[in-house]
Amino acid sequence: MSVRRAGLVLLGLLAVAVPASAAPAATQQEVEESLTCQCGCGLTVHSCNHLQCGSGEPMKKEIAERLARGEDKVTILEAFRSRYGEKVLSSPTFRGFNWLAWITPFAAVLAGGLGVTLVIRRWVRAPPSAAAAAAPGDDALRARLARELADLDRDA
């Protein structure tokens, strides 16, 4: 039996031995962090800092009850989404037009990096400007400046 075949057999036995439902159950905090409080604070249900919040407290209680009944995170989030709409989710889903909310920040950073790179390349490759190049009358001006500085040194 080759090593590769033995590895595949071991992997198959491991897959059978570990049940598919071995995924850890969602915690109360995970579910609360996935939902936005509806009191207008803009925070998640877990982070809402309003005392006796009329929205956050009942939502926390309902989440605790649903977790006690054995519901998973996806089911709980779907129940809140059906009641309050997509705005209750703390992060947008990849459904419909919401994918733009995920892509836009990365596209903006990429476009900004590309723009900065192009500007820096243009600065590095650009020939010296006409103002920086030596003008024909520069020698006369330098000589005059040297004379006036020497005169200042003598007077001081």
N, C-alpha and C. Protein backbone atom coordinates (compact mmCIF):
# COMPACT_ATOMS: atom_id res chain seq x y z
N MET A 1 0.85 -1.18 0.00
CA MET A 1 0.00 0.00 0.00
C MET A 1 0.90 1.24 0.00
N SER A 2 0.65 2.16 -0.90
CA SER A 2 1.49 3.34 -0.99
C SER A 2 1.12 4.35 0.10
N VAL A 3 2.00 5.27 0.30
CA VAL A 3 1.78 6.30 1.32
C VAL A 3 0.57 7.16 0.95
N ARG A 4 0.44 7.43 -0.32
CA ARG A 4 -0.67 8.27 -0.78
C ARG A 4 -2.00 7.56 -0.53
N ARG A 5 -2.06 6.28 -0.86
CA ARG A 5 -3.29 5.51 -0.67
C ARG A 5 -3.62 5.41 0.83
N ALA A 6 -2.60 5.21 1.65
CA ALA A 6 -2.81 5.13 3.10
C ALA A 6 -3.35 6.45 3.63
N GLY A 7 -2.84 7.56 3.10
CA GLY A 7 -3.32 8.88 3.52
C GLY A 7 -4.77 9.09 3.15
N LEU A 8 -5.15 8.63 1.94
CA LEU A 8 -6.55 8.77 1.52
C LEU A 8 -7.48 7.91 2.37
N VAL A 9 -7.04 6.70 2.71
CA VAL A 9 -7.85 5.83 3.56
C VAL A 9 -8.02 6.46 4.93
N LEU A 10 -6.94 7.01 5.48
CA LEU A 10 -7.01 7.65 6.79
C LEU A 10 -7.93 8.86 6.76
N LEU A 11 -7.85 9.64 5.69
CA LEU A 11 -8.72 10.81 5.54
C LEU A 11 -10.18 10.37 5.46
N GLY A 12 -10.46 9.30 4.74
CA GLY A 12 -11.83 8.78 4.63
C GLY A 12 -12.36 8.32 5.96
N LEU A 13 -11.53 7.61 6.72
CA LEU A 13 -11.96 7.15 8.05
C LEU A 13 -12.21 8.31 8.99
N LEU A 14 -11.38 9.33 8.88
CA LEU A 14 -11.54 10.52 9.72
C LEU A 14 -12.84 11.25 9.38
N ALA A 15 -13.17 11.32 8.10
CA ALA A 15 -14.39 12.00 7.68
C ALA A 15 -15.63 11.27 8.19
N VAL A 16 -15.55 9.94 8.25
CA VAL A 16 -16.69 9.16 8.75
C VAL A 16 -16.79 9.28 10.27
N ALA A 17 -15.64 9.34 10.94
CA ALA A 17 -15.64 9.36 12.40
C ALA A 17 -16.13 10.69 12.97
N VAL A 18 -15.87 11.79 12.29
CA VAL A 18 -16.26 13.12 12.77
C VAL A 18 -17.60 13.47 12.16
N PRO A 19 -18.64 13.65 12.95
CA PRO A 19 -19.95 13.99 12.40
C PRO A 19 -19.94 15.38 11.78
N ALA A 20 -20.82 15.56 10.82
CA ALA A 20 -20.88 16.84 10.10
C ALA A 20 -21.38 17.96 11.00
N SER A 21 -22.14 17.64 12.03
CA SER A 21 -22.68 18.67 12.92
C SER A 21 -21.73 19.02 14.05
N ALA A 22 -20.43 18.71 13.87
CA ALA A 22 -19.46 18.98 14.92
C ALA A 22 -19.04 20.45 14.95
N ALA A 23 -19.63 21.26 14.07
CA ALA A 23 -19.29 22.67 14.06
C ALA A 23 -19.75 23.29 15.38
N PRO A 24 -18.93 24.15 15.97
CA PRO A 24 -19.31 24.73 17.26
C PRO A 24 -20.56 25.60 17.13
N ALA A 25 -21.41 25.52 18.12
CA ALA A 25 -22.64 26.30 18.12
C ALA A 25 -22.30 27.78 18.29
N ALA A 26 -23.13 28.62 17.69
CA ALA A 26 -22.91 30.06 17.79
C ALA A 26 -23.15 30.53 19.22
N THR A 27 -22.36 31.49 19.63
CA THR A 27 -22.54 32.05 20.96
C THR A 27 -23.50 33.23 20.89
N GLN A 28 -24.00 33.61 22.02
CA GLN A 28 -24.90 34.77 22.11
C GLN A 28 -24.21 36.01 21.54
N GLN A 29 -22.94 36.20 21.90
CA GLN A 29 -22.22 37.39 21.45
C GLN A 29 -22.05 37.40 19.93
N GLU A 30 -21.75 36.26 19.33
CA GLU A 30 -21.59 36.20 17.87
C GLU A 30 -22.85 36.63 17.15
N VAL A 31 -23.99 36.15 17.63
CA VAL A 31 -25.26 36.51 16.99
C VAL A 31 -25.56 37.98 17.22
N GLU A 32 -25.33 38.47 18.43
CA GLU A 32 -25.59 39.89 18.74
C GLU A 32 -24.69 40.80 17.91
N GLU A 33 -23.45 40.39 17.65
CA GLU A 33 -22.54 41.21 16.84
C GLU A 33 -22.95 41.23 15.38
N SER A 34 -23.73 40.26 14.95
CA SER A 34 -24.17 40.18 13.56
C SER A 34 -25.43 41.00 13.29
N LEU A 35 -26.01 41.56 14.33
CA LEU A 35 -27.24 42.33 14.18
C LEU A 35 -27.03 43.78 14.63
N THR A 36 -27.64 44.71 13.91
CA THR A 36 -27.57 46.13 14.26
C THR A 36 -28.76 46.49 15.13
N CYS A 37 -28.50 47.22 16.20
CA CYS A 37 -29.57 47.65 17.10
C CYS A 37 -30.48 48.61 16.35
N GLN A 38 -31.77 48.51 16.57
CA GLN A 38 -32.75 49.30 15.83
C GLN A 38 -33.18 50.57 16.57
N CYS A 39 -32.44 50.94 17.63
CA CYS A 39 -32.80 52.15 18.38
C CYS A 39 -32.27 53.41 17.71
N GLY A 40 -31.41 53.24 16.71
CA GLY A 40 -30.87 54.40 16.01
C GLY A 40 -29.44 54.73 16.40
N CYS A 41 -28.85 53.96 17.29
CA CYS A 41 -27.49 54.25 17.73
C CYS A 41 -26.45 53.86 16.68
N GLY A 42 -26.80 52.94 15.78
CA GLY A 42 -25.87 52.51 14.75
C GLY A 42 -24.88 51.45 15.21
N LEU A 43 -25.01 50.98 16.45
CA LEU A 43 -24.12 49.96 16.98
C LEU A 43 -24.75 48.59 16.82
N THR A 44 -23.95 47.57 17.08
CA THR A 44 -24.51 46.22 17.06
C THR A 44 -25.34 46.03 18.33
N VAL A 45 -26.16 44.99 18.32
CA VAL A 45 -27.00 44.70 19.49
C VAL A 45 -26.11 44.47 20.71
N HIS A 46 -24.99 43.80 20.51
CA HIS A 46 -24.08 43.51 21.62
C HIS A 46 -23.42 44.79 22.15
N SER A 47 -23.13 45.75 21.28
CA SER A 47 -22.39 46.96 21.67
C SER A 47 -23.28 48.13 22.07
N CYS A 48 -24.59 48.02 21.87
CA CYS A 48 -25.49 49.14 22.18
C CYS A 48 -25.33 49.52 23.66
N ASN A 49 -25.04 50.80 23.89
CA ASN A 49 -24.74 51.26 25.25
C ASN A 49 -25.88 52.06 25.88
N HIS A 50 -27.07 51.99 25.30
CA HIS A 50 -28.21 52.68 25.90
C HIS A 50 -28.78 51.84 27.03
N LEU A 51 -28.97 52.47 28.17
CA LEU A 51 -29.56 51.76 29.31
C LEU A 51 -31.02 51.46 29.00
N GLN A 52 -31.43 50.25 29.27
CA GLN A 52 -32.80 49.81 29.03
C GLN A 52 -33.25 50.11 27.59
N CYS A 53 -32.38 49.79 26.64
CA CYS A 53 -32.67 50.06 25.23
C CYS A 53 -33.94 49.33 24.82
N GLY A 54 -34.85 50.07 24.21
CA GLY A 54 -36.13 49.49 23.81
C GLY A 54 -36.02 48.54 22.64
N SER A 55 -34.90 48.52 21.98
CA SER A 55 -34.70 47.62 20.85
C SER A 55 -33.70 46.52 21.19
N GLY A 56 -32.57 46.90 21.74
CA GLY A 56 -31.48 45.96 21.99
C GLY A 56 -31.80 44.92 23.04
N GLU A 57 -32.44 45.33 24.13
CA GLU A 57 -32.72 44.39 25.22
C GLU A 57 -33.69 43.28 24.78
N PRO A 58 -34.79 43.62 24.11
CA PRO A 58 -35.68 42.54 23.64
C PRO A 58 -35.00 41.63 22.61
N MET A 59 -34.16 42.21 21.77
CA MET A 59 -33.46 41.40 20.78
C MET A 59 -32.49 40.44 21.46
N LYS A 60 -31.78 40.91 22.50
CA LYS A 60 -30.87 40.04 23.24
C LYS A 60 -31.63 38.89 23.89
N LYS A 61 -32.79 39.20 24.44
CA LYS A 61 -33.60 38.17 25.09
C LYS A 61 -34.08 37.14 24.08
N GLU A 62 -34.52 37.61 22.92
CA GLU A 62 -35.00 36.69 21.88
C GLU A 62 -33.87 35.81 21.36
N ILE A 63 -32.68 36.39 21.21
CA ILE A 63 -31.53 35.62 20.75
C ILE A 63 -31.21 34.52 21.76
N ALA A 64 -31.22 34.87 23.04
CA ALA A 64 -30.95 33.88 24.08
C ALA A 64 -31.98 32.75 24.06
N GLU A 65 -33.26 33.09 23.87
CA GLU A 65 -34.31 32.08 23.82
C GLU A 65 -34.14 31.16 22.61
N ARG A 66 -33.82 31.74 21.47
CA ARG A 66 -33.65 30.95 20.24
C ARG A 66 -32.44 30.02 20.35
N LEU A 67 -31.35 30.53 20.94
CA LEU A 67 -30.17 29.67 21.12
C LEU A 67 -30.48 28.54 22.10
N ALA A 68 -31.28 28.82 23.12
CA ALA A 68 -31.65 27.78 24.09
C ALA A 68 -32.50 26.70 23.44
N ARG A 69 -33.31 27.09 22.43
CA ARG A 69 -34.12 26.11 21.71
C ARG A 69 -33.29 25.30 20.71
N GLY A 70 -32.02 25.71 20.51
CA GLY A 70 -31.14 24.96 19.62
C GLY A 70 -31.05 25.49 18.20
N GLU A 71 -31.58 26.69 17.96
CA GLU A 71 -31.49 27.26 16.61
C GLU A 71 -30.06 27.68 16.33
N ASP A 72 -29.66 27.60 15.07
CA ASP A 72 -28.31 28.01 14.71
C ASP A 72 -28.30 29.48 14.31
N LYS A 73 -27.10 30.02 14.13
CA LYS A 73 -26.91 31.45 13.86
C LYS A 73 -27.63 31.88 12.58
N VAL A 74 -27.52 31.07 11.53
CA VAL A 74 -28.13 31.42 10.24
C VAL A 74 -29.64 31.53 10.37
N THR A 75 -30.25 30.61 11.07
CA THR A 75 -31.71 30.63 11.26
C THR A 75 -32.14 31.87 12.04
N ILE A 76 -31.40 32.19 13.08
CA ILE A 76 -31.74 33.36 13.91
C ILE A 76 -31.59 34.64 13.09
N LEU A 77 -30.50 34.76 12.35
CA LEU A 77 -30.29 35.97 11.54
C LEU A 77 -31.36 36.09 10.46
N GLU A 78 -31.75 34.98 9.87
CA GLU A 78 -32.79 35.01 8.84
C GLU A 78 -34.13 35.44 9.43
N ALA A 79 -34.43 35.03 10.66
CA ALA A 79 -35.68 35.44 11.32
C ALA A 79 -35.69 36.95 11.56
N PHE A 80 -34.58 37.50 12.04
CA PHE A 80 -34.51 38.95 12.26
C PHE A 80 -34.55 39.70 10.93
N ARG A 81 -33.89 39.14 9.91
CA ARG A 81 -33.88 39.79 8.59
C ARG A 81 -35.28 39.83 7.99
N SER A 82 -36.04 38.76 8.18
CA SER A 82 -37.40 38.76 7.64
C SER A 82 -38.30 39.75 8.38
N ARG A 83 -38.02 39.98 9.67
CA ARG A 83 -38.83 40.90 10.46
C ARG A 83 -38.45 42.36 10.21
N TYR A 84 -37.15 42.68 10.24
CA TYR A 84 -36.70 44.07 10.15
C TYR A 84 -36.18 44.47 8.77
N GLY A 85 -35.91 43.51 7.93
CA GLY A 85 -35.32 43.81 6.63
C GLY A 85 -33.81 43.68 6.70
N GLU A 86 -33.17 43.91 5.58
CA GLU A 86 -31.72 43.72 5.45
C GLU A 86 -30.94 44.69 6.33
N LYS A 87 -31.56 45.80 6.71
CA LYS A 87 -30.86 46.81 7.51
C LYS A 87 -30.47 46.30 8.90
N VAL A 88 -31.08 45.23 9.38
CA VAL A 88 -30.78 44.72 10.71
C VAL A 88 -29.44 43.99 10.75
N LEU A 89 -28.96 43.53 9.61
CA LEU A 89 -27.68 42.82 9.57
C LEU A 89 -26.54 43.81 9.69
N SER A 90 -25.54 43.50 10.50
CA SER A 90 -24.44 44.44 10.72
C SER A 90 -23.47 44.46 9.55
N SER A 91 -23.48 43.45 8.70
CA SER A 91 -22.65 43.47 7.49
C SER A 91 -23.52 43.08 6.32
N PRO A 92 -23.33 43.71 5.17
CA PRO A 92 -24.18 43.42 4.02
C PRO A 92 -23.94 42.00 3.50
N THR A 93 -24.96 41.44 2.89
CA THR A 93 -24.84 40.11 2.29
C THR A 93 -24.34 40.26 0.86
N PHE A 94 -24.06 39.15 0.22
CA PHE A 94 -23.62 39.19 -1.17
C PHE A 94 -24.78 39.06 -2.14
N ARG A 95 -25.98 39.31 -1.69
CA ARG A 95 -27.15 39.22 -2.54
C ARG A 95 -27.40 40.55 -3.24
N GLY A 96 -27.84 40.47 -4.48
CA GLY A 96 -28.26 41.65 -5.22
C GLY A 96 -27.19 42.72 -5.34
N PHE A 97 -27.59 43.92 -5.03
CA PHE A 97 -26.71 45.08 -5.19
C PHE A 97 -25.71 45.22 -4.05
N ASN A 98 -25.87 44.47 -2.97
CA ASN A 98 -25.01 44.59 -1.80
C ASN A 98 -23.57 44.20 -2.06
N TRP A 99 -23.30 43.44 -3.10
CA TRP A 99 -21.91 43.06 -3.38
C TRP A 99 -21.07 44.30 -3.60
N LEU A 100 -21.69 45.38 -4.05
CA LEU A 100 -20.95 46.62 -4.28
C LEU A 100 -20.38 47.18 -2.97
N ALA A 101 -21.09 46.98 -1.85
CA ALA A 101 -20.59 47.44 -0.55
C ALA A 101 -19.33 46.69 -0.14
N TRP A 102 -19.17 45.47 -0.60
CA TRP A 102 -17.97 44.70 -0.29
C TRP A 102 -16.82 45.05 -1.23
N ILE A 103 -17.12 45.33 -2.49
CA ILE A 103 -16.08 45.52 -3.50
C ILE A 103 -15.54 46.96 -3.51
N THR A 104 -16.40 47.94 -3.25
CA THR A 104 -16.01 49.34 -3.39
C THR A 104 -14.79 49.74 -2.55
N PRO A 105 -14.68 49.39 -1.28
CA PRO A 105 -13.48 49.81 -0.54
C PRO A 105 -12.19 49.25 -1.13
N PHE A 106 -12.21 48.00 -1.55
CA PHE A 106 -11.01 47.40 -2.13
C PHE A 106 -10.68 48.04 -3.47
N ALA A 107 -11.70 48.33 -4.27
CA ALA A 107 -11.49 48.97 -5.56
C ALA A 107 -10.95 50.39 -5.37
N ALA A 108 -11.43 51.11 -4.36
CA ALA A 108 -10.96 52.46 -4.10
C ALA A 108 -9.49 52.46 -3.67
N VAL A 109 -9.11 51.51 -2.81
CA VAL A 109 -7.72 51.42 -2.37
C VAL A 109 -6.82 51.06 -3.55
N LEU A 110 -7.28 50.12 -4.38
CA LEU A 110 -6.51 49.72 -5.56
C LEU A 110 -6.36 50.89 -6.53
N ALA A 111 -7.43 51.62 -6.79
CA ALA A 111 -7.37 52.77 -7.70
C ALA A 111 -6.47 53.87 -7.14
N GLY A 112 -6.56 54.12 -5.83
CA GLY A 112 -5.69 55.13 -5.22
C GLY A 112 -4.23 54.74 -5.29
N GLY A 113 -3.93 53.48 -5.03
CA GLY A 113 -2.54 53.00 -5.14
C GLY A 113 -2.01 53.11 -6.56
N LEU A 114 -2.86 52.76 -7.53
CA LEU A 114 -2.47 52.88 -8.92
C LEU A 114 -2.23 54.34 -9.29
N GLY A 115 -3.10 55.23 -8.82
CA GLY A 115 -2.93 56.66 -9.11
C GLY A 115 -1.65 57.22 -8.51
N VAL A 116 -1.35 56.87 -7.27
CA VAL A 116 -0.12 57.33 -6.62
C VAL A 116 1.10 56.80 -7.36
N THR A 117 1.05 55.54 -7.77
CA THR A 117 2.16 54.94 -8.51
C THR A 117 2.40 55.68 -9.82
N LEU A 118 1.34 55.98 -10.54
CA LEU A 118 1.49 56.69 -11.81
C LEU A 118 2.05 58.10 -11.61
N VAL A 119 1.58 58.79 -10.58
CA VAL A 119 2.07 60.15 -10.31
C VAL A 119 3.55 60.11 -9.94
N ILE A 120 3.94 59.17 -9.10
CA ILE A 120 5.35 59.08 -8.70
C ILE A 120 6.23 58.75 -9.90
N ARG A 121 5.78 57.84 -10.75
CA ARG A 121 6.56 57.51 -11.96
C ARG A 121 6.70 58.73 -12.86
N ARG A 122 5.64 59.50 -12.98
CA ARG A 122 5.69 60.69 -13.83
C ARG A 122 6.67 61.72 -13.26
N TRP A 123 6.68 61.89 -11.93
CA TRP A 123 7.62 62.83 -11.30
C TRP A 123 9.06 62.39 -11.50
N VAL A 124 9.29 61.09 -11.35
CA VAL A 124 10.66 60.58 -11.45
C VAL A 124 11.17 60.71 -12.88
N ARG A 125 10.34 60.44 -13.87
CA ARG A 125 10.75 60.45 -15.26
C ARG A 125 10.67 61.82 -15.93
N ALA A 126 10.05 62.78 -15.28
CA ALA A 126 9.86 64.10 -15.90
C ALA A 126 11.19 64.83 -16.02
N PRO A 127 11.42 65.51 -17.17
CA PRO A 127 12.64 66.30 -17.32
C PRO A 127 12.56 67.53 -16.42
N PRO A 128 13.70 68.10 -16.09
CA PRO A 128 13.66 69.30 -15.24
C PRO A 128 12.84 70.40 -15.90
N SER A 129 12.13 71.15 -15.10
CA SER A 129 11.27 72.19 -15.64
C SER A 129 12.10 73.34 -16.18
N ALA A 130 11.48 74.17 -16.99
CA ALA A 130 12.17 75.29 -17.61
C ALA A 130 12.66 76.28 -16.56
N ALA A 131 11.93 76.43 -15.46
CA ALA A 131 12.33 77.36 -14.41
C ALA A 131 13.58 76.87 -13.70
N ALA A 132 13.76 75.57 -13.60
CA ALA A 132 14.92 75.03 -12.91
C ALA A 132 16.16 75.05 -13.80
N ALA A 133 15.98 75.07 -15.11
CA ALA A 133 17.13 75.10 -16.02
C ALA A 133 17.82 76.46 -15.92
N ALA A 134 19.10 76.45 -16.14
CA ALA A 134 19.87 77.69 -16.04
C ALA A 134 19.50 78.63 -17.18
N ALA A 135 19.14 79.86 -16.83
CA ALA A 135 18.81 80.87 -17.82
C ALA A 135 20.09 81.57 -18.27
N PRO A 136 20.07 82.16 -19.44
CA PRO A 136 21.30 82.80 -19.94
C PRO A 136 21.82 83.93 -19.05
N GLY A 137 20.98 84.66 -18.37
CA GLY A 137 21.42 85.79 -17.56
C GLY A 137 21.78 85.42 -16.14
N ASP A 138 21.81 84.15 -15.81
CA ASP A 138 22.09 83.71 -14.45
C ASP A 138 23.49 84.10 -13.98
N ASP A 139 24.48 84.03 -14.85
CA ASP A 139 25.85 84.34 -14.43
C ASP A 139 25.96 85.79 -13.98
N ALA A 140 25.30 86.71 -14.69
CA ALA A 140 25.34 88.12 -14.31
C ALA A 140 24.65 88.32 -12.96
N LEU A 141 23.53 87.65 -12.75
CA LEU A 141 22.81 87.79 -11.48
C LEU A 141 23.62 87.21 -10.32
N ARG A 142 24.29 86.09 -10.55
CA ARG A 142 25.11 85.49 -9.49
C ARG A 142 26.28 86.41 -9.11
N ALA A 143 26.85 87.00 -10.11
CA ALA A 143 27.97 87.92 -9.83
C ALA A 143 27.48 89.13 -9.04
N ARG A 144 26.34 89.67 -9.42
CA ARG A 144 25.79 90.81 -8.71
C ARG A 144 25.47 90.44 -7.26
N LEU A 145 24.87 89.24 -7.05
CA LEU A 145 24.55 88.77 -5.70
C LEU A 145 25.82 88.64 -4.86
N ALA A 146 26.86 88.10 -5.43
CA ALA A 146 28.12 87.94 -4.71
C ALA A 146 28.68 89.30 -4.30
N ARG A 147 28.62 90.29 -5.21
CA ARG A 147 29.12 91.64 -4.89
C ARG A 147 28.31 92.26 -3.76
N GLU A 148 26.97 92.13 -3.81
CA GLU A 148 26.14 92.76 -2.79
C GLU A 148 26.34 92.08 -1.44
N LEU A 149 26.53 90.77 -1.41
CA LEU A 149 26.81 90.08 -0.16
C LEU A 149 28.16 90.49 0.43
N ALA A 150 29.12 90.68 -0.47
CA ALA A 150 30.44 91.12 0.00
C ALA A 150 30.34 92.52 0.57
N ASP A 151 29.54 93.38 -0.04
CA ASP A 151 29.34 94.74 0.47
C ASP A 151 28.67 94.70 1.85
N LEU A 152 27.72 93.82 2.03
CA LEU A 152 27.05 93.68 3.34
C LEU A 152 28.03 93.21 4.40
N ASP A 153 28.90 92.28 4.04
CA ASP A 153 29.89 91.77 5.00
C ASP A 153 30.84 92.89 5.43
N ARG A 154 31.22 93.76 4.51
CA ARG A 154 32.14 94.84 4.85
C ARG A 154 31.48 95.85 5.77
N ASP A 155 30.21 96.12 5.56
CA ASP A 155 29.51 97.12 6.37
C ASP A 155 29.21 96.61 7.78
N ALA A 156 29.11 95.36 7.94
CA ALA A 156 28.73 94.80 9.25
C ALA A 156 29.86 94.70 10.20
